[in-house]
PDB file of N, CA and C in Angstrom:
ATOM      1  N   MET A   1      10.106 -14.195   2.099  1.00  0.00           N
ATOM      2  CA  MET A   1       9.374 -12.995   1.980  1.00  0.00           C
ATOM      3  C   MET A   1       9.982 -12.124   0.726  1.00  0.00           C
ATOM      4  N   SER A   2       9.199 -11.468  -0.123  1.00  0.00           N
ATOM      5  CA  SER A   2       9.608 -10.915  -1.262  1.00  0.00           C
ATOM      6  C   SER A   2      10.063  -9.584  -0.877  1.00  0.00           C
ATOM      7  N   GLU A   3      10.809  -8.878  -1.964  1.00  0.00           N
ATOM      8  CA  GLU A   3      11.249  -7.427  -1.924  1.00  0.00           C
ATOM      9  C   GLU A   3      10.009  -6.583  -1.621  1.00  0.00           C
ATOM     10  N   TYR A   4       8.903  -6.897  -2.256  1.00  0.00           N
ATOM     11  CA  TYR A   4       7.732  -6.056  -2.120  1.00  0.00           C
ATOM     12  C   TYR A   4       7.206  -6.070  -0.677  1.00  0.00           C
ATOM     13  N   GLU A   5       7.183  -7.350  -0.345  1.00  0.00           N
ATOM     14  CA  GLU A   5       6.558  -7.640   1.037  1.00  0.00           C
ATOM     15  C   GLU A   5       7.412  -6.930   2.236  1.00  0.00           C
ATOM     16  N   GLU A   6       8.736  -6.872   1.903  1.00  0.00           N
ATOM     17  CA  GLU A   6       9.637  -6.304   2.941  1.00  0.00           C
ATOM     18  C   GLU A   6       9.819  -4.785   2.869  1.00  0.00           C
ATOM     19  N   ALA A   7       9.331  -4.110   1.819  1.00  0.00           N
ATOM     20  CA  ALA A   7       9.356  -2.801   1.599  1.00  0.00           C
ATOM     21  C   ALA A   7       8.577  -2.031   2.528  1.00  0.00           C
ATOM     22  N   GLU A   8       8.899  -0.710   2.805  1.00  0.00           N
ATOM     23  CA  GLU A   8       8.126   0.104   3.722  1.00  0.00           C
ATOM     24  C   GLU A   8       6.863   0.454   3.010  1.00  0.00           C
ATOM     25  N   VAL A   9       5.843   0.779   3.738  1.00  0.00           N
ATOM     26  CA  VAL A   9       4.576   1.319   3.161  1.00  0.00           C
ATOM     27  C   VAL A   9       4.606   2.744   2.746  1.00  0.00           C
ATOM     28  N   ILE A  10       4.074   3.067   1.806  1.00  0.00           N
ATOM     29  CA  ILE A  10       4.122   4.384   1.085  1.00  0.00           C
ATOM     30  C   ILE A  10       3.299   5.242   1.953  1.00  0.00           C
ATOM     31  N   THR A  11       3.713   6.505   2.283  1.00  0.00           N
ATOM     32  CA  THR A  11       2.844   7.532   2.859  1.00  0.00           C
ATOM     33  C   THR A  11       1.970   8.227   1.926  1.00  0.00           C
ATOM     34  N   GLU A  12       1.075   8.934   2.476  1.00  0.00           N
ATOM     35  CA  GLU A  12       0.126   9.671   1.610  1.00  0.00           C
ATOM     36  C   GLU A  12       0.809  10.741   0.773  1.00  0.00           C
ATOM     37  N   GLU A  13       1.757  11.350   1.492  1.00  0.00           N
ATOM     38  CA  GLU A  13       2.445  12.561   0.809  1.00  0.00           C
ATOM     39  C   GLU A  13       3.379  11.914  -0.245  1.00  0.00           C
ATOM     40  N   GLU A  14       3.943  10.716  -0.004  1.00  0.00           N
ATOM     41  CA  GLU A  14       4.752  10.104  -1.148  1.00  0.00           C
ATOM     42  C   GLU A  14       3.948   9.585  -2.149  1.00  0.00           C
ATOM     43  N   MET A  15       2.720   9.169  -1.949  1.00  0.00           N
ATOM     44  CA  MET A  15       1.778   8.691  -2.883  1.00  0.00           C
ATOM     45  C   MET A  15       1.436   9.849  -3.895  1.00  0.00           C
ATOM     46  N   LYS A  16       1.128  10.921  -3.307  1.00  0.00           N
ATOM     47  CA  LYS A  16       0.796  11.996  -4.368  1.00  0.00           C
ATOM     48  C   LYS A  16       2.012  12.311  -5.282  1.00  0.00           C
ATOM     49  N   LYS A  17       3.248  12.346  -4.744  1.00  0.00           N
ATOM     50  CA  LYS A  17       4.249  12.620  -5.734  1.00  0.00           C
ATOM     51  C   LYS A  17       4.545  11.285  -6.614  1.00  0.00           C
ATOM     52  N   ALA A  18       4.313  10.096  -6.165  1.00  0.00           N
ATOM     53  CA  ALA A  18       4.476   8.972  -7.009  1.00  0.00           C
ATOM     54  C   ALA A  18       3.448   8.992  -8.126  1.00  0.00           C
ATOM     55  N   LEU A  19       2.221   9.337  -7.871  1.00  0.00           N
ATOM     56  CA  LEU A  19       1.178   9.416  -8.918  1.00  0.00           C
ATOM     57  C   LEU A  19       1.614  10.360  -9.997  1.00  0.00           C
ATOM     58  N   ALA A  20       2.182  11.404  -9.650  1.00  0.00           N
ATOM     59  CA  ALA A  20       2.472  12.414 -10.701  1.00  0.00           C
ATOM     60  C   ALA A  20       3.638  11.781 -11.616  1.00  0.00           C
ATOM     61  N   ALA A  21       4.585  11.068 -10.987  1.00  0.00           N
ATOM     62  CA  ALA A  21       5.643  10.395 -11.598  1.00  0.00           C
ATOM     63  C   ALA A  21       5.142   9.312 -12.528  1.00  0.00           C
ATOM     64  N   LEU A  22       4.159   8.526 -11.858  1.00  0.00           N
ATOM     65  CA  LEU A  22       3.645   7.480 -12.502  1.00  0.00           C
ATOM     66  C   LEU A  22       2.797   7.910 -13.789  1.00  0.00           C
ATOM     67  N   PHE A  23       1.963   8.973 -13.786  1.00  0.00           N
ATOM     68  CA  PHE A  23       1.355   9.499 -14.866  1.00  0.00           C
ATOM     69  C   PHE A  23       2.237  10.070 -15.858  1.00  0.00           C
ATOM     70  N   LYS A  24       3.305  10.636 -15.569  1.00  0.00           N
ATOM     71  CA  LYS A  24       4.275  11.242 -16.674  1.00  0.00           C
ATOM     72  C   LYS A  24       4.956   9.950 -17.399  1.00  0.00           C
ATOM     73  N   ARG A  25       5.451   9.001 -16.557  1.00  0.00           N
ATOM     74  CA  ARG A  25       6.133   7.900 -17.232  1.00  0.00           C
ATOM     75  C   ARG A  25       5.111   7.087 -18.124  1.00  0.00           C
ATOM     76  N   SER A  26       3.980   6.855 -17.733  1.00  0.00           N
ATOM     77  CA  SER A  26       2.953   6.210 -18.405  1.00  0.00           C
ATOM     78  C   SER A  26       2.570   6.756 -19.783  1.00  0.00           C
ATOM     79  N   GLN A  27       2.738   8.073 -19.893  1.00  0.00           N
ATOM     80  CA  GLN A  27       2.480   8.756 -21.144  1.00  0.00           C
ATOM     81  C   GLN A  27       3.584   8.410 -22.274  1.00  0.00           C
ATOM     82  N   THR A  28       4.697   7.960 -21.854  1.00  0.00           N
ATOM     83  CA  THR A  28       5.759   7.745 -22.922  1.00  0.00           C
ATOM     84  C   THR A  28       6.309   6.260 -22.817  1.00  0.00           C
ATOM     85  N   ASP A  29       5.827   5.506 -21.920  1.00  0.00           N
ATOM     86  CA  ASP A  29       6.220   4.158 -21.776  1.00  0.00           C
ATOM     87  C   ASP A  29       5.071   3.132 -21.866  1.00  0.00           C
ATOM     88  N   ALA A  30       4.784   2.535 -23.020  1.00  0.00           N
ATOM     89  CA  ALA A  30       3.656   1.685 -23.057  1.00  0.00           C
ATOM     90  C   ALA A  30       3.700   0.619 -22.141  1.00  0.00           C
ATOM     91  N   GLU A  31       4.876  -0.062 -22.096  1.00  0.00           N
ATOM     92  CA  GLU A  31       5.110  -1.226 -21.303  1.00  0.00           C
ATOM     93  C   GLU A  31       4.755  -0.842 -19.752  1.00  0.00           C
ATOM     94  N   PHE A  32       5.214   0.249 -19.323  1.00  0.00           N
ATOM     95  CA  PHE A  32       4.797   0.628 -18.064  1.00  0.00           C
ATOM     96  C   PHE A  32       3.354   1.028 -17.878  1.00  0.00           C
ATOM     97  N   ARG A  33       2.848   1.588 -18.865  1.00  0.00           N
ATOM     98  CA  ARG A  33       1.277   1.871 -18.726  1.00  0.00           C
ATOM     99  C   ARG A  33       0.484   0.566 -18.540  1.00  0.00           C
ATOM    100  N   ASP A  34       0.958  -0.466 -19.278  1.00  0.00           N
ATOM    101  CA  ASP A  34       0.364  -1.769 -19.316  1.00  0.00           C
ATOM    102  C   ASP A  34       0.411  -2.355 -17.749  1.00  0.00           C
ATOM    103  N   LEU A  35       1.628  -2.123 -17.115  1.00  0.00           N
ATOM    104  CA  LEU A  35       1.867  -2.548 -15.804  1.00  0.00           C
ATOM    105  C   LEU A  35       0.929  -1.823 -14.922  1.00  0.00           C
ATOM    106  N   CYS A  36       0.662  -0.617 -15.122  1.00  0.00           N
ATOM    107  CA  CYS A  36      -0.211   0.289 -14.146  1.00  0.00           C
ATOM    108  C   CYS A  36      -1.587  -0.228 -14.334  1.00  0.00           C
ATOM    109  N   GLN A  37      -2.032  -0.725 -15.465  1.00  0.00           N
ATOM    110  CA  GLN A  37      -3.358  -1.278 -15.501  1.00  0.00           C
ATOM    111  C   GLN A  37      -3.469  -2.791 -14.956  1.00  0.00           C
ATOM    112  N   GLU A  38      -2.416  -3.551 -15.205  1.00  0.00           N
ATOM    113  CA  GLU A  38      -2.429  -4.932 -14.798  1.00  0.00           C
ATOM    114  C   GLU A  38      -1.960  -5.207 -13.262  1.00  0.00           C
ATOM    115  N   ASP A  39      -1.181  -4.333 -12.702  1.00  0.00           N
ATOM    116  CA  ASP A  39      -0.738  -4.514 -11.388  1.00  0.00           C
ATOM    117  C   ASP A  39      -0.320  -3.066 -10.960  1.00  0.00           C
ATOM    118  N   PRO A  40      -1.255  -2.269 -10.463  1.00  0.00           N
ATOM    119  CA  PRO A  40      -1.012  -0.884  -9.922  1.00  0.00           C
ATOM    120  C   PRO A  40       0.021  -0.984  -8.830  1.00  0.00           C
ATOM    121  N   ALA A  41      -0.032  -1.870  -7.904  1.00  0.00           N
ATOM    122  CA  ALA A  41       0.878  -1.995  -6.773  1.00  0.00           C
ATOM    123  C   ALA A  41       2.270  -2.245  -7.307  1.00  0.00           C
ATOM    124  N   ALA A  42       2.505  -3.003  -8.251  1.00  0.00           N
ATOM    125  CA  ALA A  42       3.870  -3.115  -8.853  1.00  0.00           C
ATOM    126  C   ALA A  42       4.441  -1.984  -9.427  1.00  0.00           C
ATOM    127  N   ALA A  43       3.382  -1.217 -10.106  1.00  0.00           N
ATOM    128  CA  ALA A  43       3.886   0.135 -10.699  1.00  0.00           C
ATOM    129  C   ALA A  43       4.313   1.144  -9.687  1.00  0.00           C
ATOM    130  N   ILE A  44       3.498   1.305  -8.638  1.00  0.00           N
ATOM    131  CA  ILE A  44       4.001   2.093  -7.452  1.00  0.00           C
ATOM    132  C   ILE A  44       5.211   1.721  -6.907  1.00  0.00           C
ATOM    133  N   PHE A  45       5.373   0.461  -6.653  1.00  0.00           N
ATOM    134  CA  PHE A  45       6.655   0.008  -6.226  1.00  0.00           C
ATOM    135  C   PHE A  45       7.811   0.080  -7.134  1.00  0.00           C
ATOM    136  N   GLU A  46       7.626   0.064  -8.274  1.00  0.00           N
ATOM    137  CA  GLU A  46       8.662   0.316  -9.381  1.00  0.00           C
ATOM    138  C   GLU A  46       8.996   1.842  -9.307  1.00  0.00           C
ATOM    139  N   ILE A  47       8.194   2.716  -9.054  1.00  0.00           N
ATOM    140  CA  ILE A  47       8.503   4.151  -9.041  1.00  0.00           C
ATOM    141  C   ILE A  47       9.056   4.529  -7.642  1.00  0.00           C
ATOM    142  N   THR A  48       8.639   4.034  -6.746  1.00  0.00           N
ATOM    143  CA  THR A  48       8.999   4.395  -5.333  1.00  0.00           C
ATOM    144  C   THR A  48       9.942   3.477  -4.504  1.00  0.00           C
ATOM    145  N   GLY A  49       9.776   2.157  -4.782  1.00  0.00           N
ATOM    146  CA  GLY A  49      10.447   1.254  -3.878  1.00  0.00           C
ATOM    147  C   GLY A  49       9.593   0.835  -2.742  1.00  0.00           C
ATOM    148  N   LYS A  50       8.396   1.361  -2.589  1.00  0.00           N
ATOM    149  CA  LYS A  50       7.554   1.337  -1.496  1.00  0.00           C
ATOM    150  C   LYS A  50       6.208   0.557  -1.850  1.00  0.00           C
ATOM    151  N   ARG A  51       5.685  -0.035  -0.837  1.00  0.00           N
ATOM    152  CA  ARG A  51       4.342  -0.811  -1.097  1.00  0.00           C
ATOM    153  C   ARG A  51       2.997  -0.117  -0.696  1.00  0.00           C
ATOM    154  N   LEU A  52       1.989  -0.542  -1.177  1.00  0.00           N
ATOM    155  CA  LEU A  52       0.739   0.000  -0.856  1.00  0.00           C
ATOM    156  C   LEU A  52       0.388  -0.522   0.573  1.00  0.00           C
ATOM    157  N   PRO A  53      -0.356   0.191   1.338  1.00  0.00           N
ATOM    158  CA  PRO A  53      -1.008  -0.240   2.578  1.00  0.00           C
ATOM    159  C   PRO A  53      -1.785  -1.470   2.347  1.00  0.00           C
ATOM    160  N   GLU A  54      -1.827  -2.267   3.389  1.00  0.00           N
ATOM    161  CA  GLU A  54      -2.697  -3.448   3.183  1.00  0.00           C
ATOM    162  C   GLU A  54      -4.152  -3.141   3.065  1.00  0.00           C
ATOM    163  N   GLY A  55      -5.005  -3.852   2.103  1.00  0.00           N
ATOM    164  CA  GLY A  55      -6.285  -3.488   1.885  1.00  0.00           C
ATOM    165  C   GLY A  55      -6.547  -2.346   0.953  1.00  0.00           C
ATOM    166  N   SER A  56      -5.378  -1.702   0.256  1.00  0.00           N
ATOM    167  CA  SER A  56      -5.501  -0.606  -0.700  1.00  0.00           C
ATOM    168  C   SER A  56      -6.134  -1.233  -1.992  1.00  0.00           C
ATOM    169  N   ASN A  57      -6.845  -0.367  -2.537  1.00  0.00           N
ATOM    170  CA  ASN A  57      -7.311  -0.811  -3.854  1.00  0.00           C
ATOM    171  C   ASN A  57      -7.098   0.420  -4.914  1.00  0.00           C
ATOM    172  N   LEU A  58      -6.274   0.130  -5.721  1.00  0.00           N
ATOM    173  CA  LEU A  58      -5.864   1.182  -6.786  1.00  0.00           C
ATOM    174  C   LEU A  58      -6.122   0.676  -8.154  1.00  0.00           C
ATOM    175  N   LYS A  59      -6.607   1.460  -8.993  1.00  0.00           N
ATOM    176  CA  LYS A  59      -6.965   0.976 -10.345  1.00  0.00           C
ATOM    177  C   LYS A  59      -6.751   2.059 -11.380  1.00  0.00           C
ATOM    178  N   PHE A  60      -6.045   1.800 -12.464  1.00  0.00           N
ATOM    179  CA  PHE A  60      -5.707   2.617 -13.540  1.00  0.00           C
ATOM    180  C   PHE A  60      -6.613   2.168 -14.757  1.00  0.00           C
ATOM    181  N   THR A  61      -7.186   3.158 -15.469  1.00  0.00           N
ATOM    182  CA  THR A  61      -8.006   2.955 -16.736  1.00  0.00           C
ATOM    183  C   THR A  61      -7.598   3.750 -17.669  1.00  0.00           C
ATOM    184  N   GLU A  62      -7.822   3.300 -19.036  1.00  0.00           N
ATOM    185  CA  GLU A  62      -7.587   4.302 -20.138  1.00  0.00           C
ATOM    186  C   GLU A  62      -8.773   4.998 -20.471  1.00  0.00           C
ATOM    187  N   PRO A  63      -8.790   6.372 -20.750  1.00  0.00           N
ATOM    188  CA  PRO A  63      -9.990   7.009 -21.157  1.00  0.00           C
ATOM    189  C   PRO A  63     -10.470   6.401 -22.393  1.00  0.00           C
ATOM    190  N   GLU A  64     -11.811   6.360 -22.417  1.00  0.00           N
ATOM    191  CA  GLU A  64     -12.551   5.793 -23.580  1.00  0.00           C
ATOM    192  C   GLU A  64     -12.359   6.898 -24.732  1.00  0.00           C
ATOM    193  N   ALA A  65     -12.122   6.320 -26.091  1.00  0.00           N
ATOM    194  CA  ALA A  65     -11.991   7.242 -27.183  1.00  0.00           C
ATOM    195  C   ALA A  65     -13.259   7.973 -27.641  1.00  0.00           C
TER     196      ALA A  65
END
């Protein structure tokens, strides 16, 4: 079992805080921004050490120019 699979599931309140931290970091870290788009669950895990609930669907997109 992987570290991600063994991690606790993030709560709704933790998710709100994590999204703020995620957006802030993605503004200055292009590699992390790419991770957000390619694997949002991994990005949340990197920020919080917690995993998304089963069946969650999270997607990040870049605004169009």
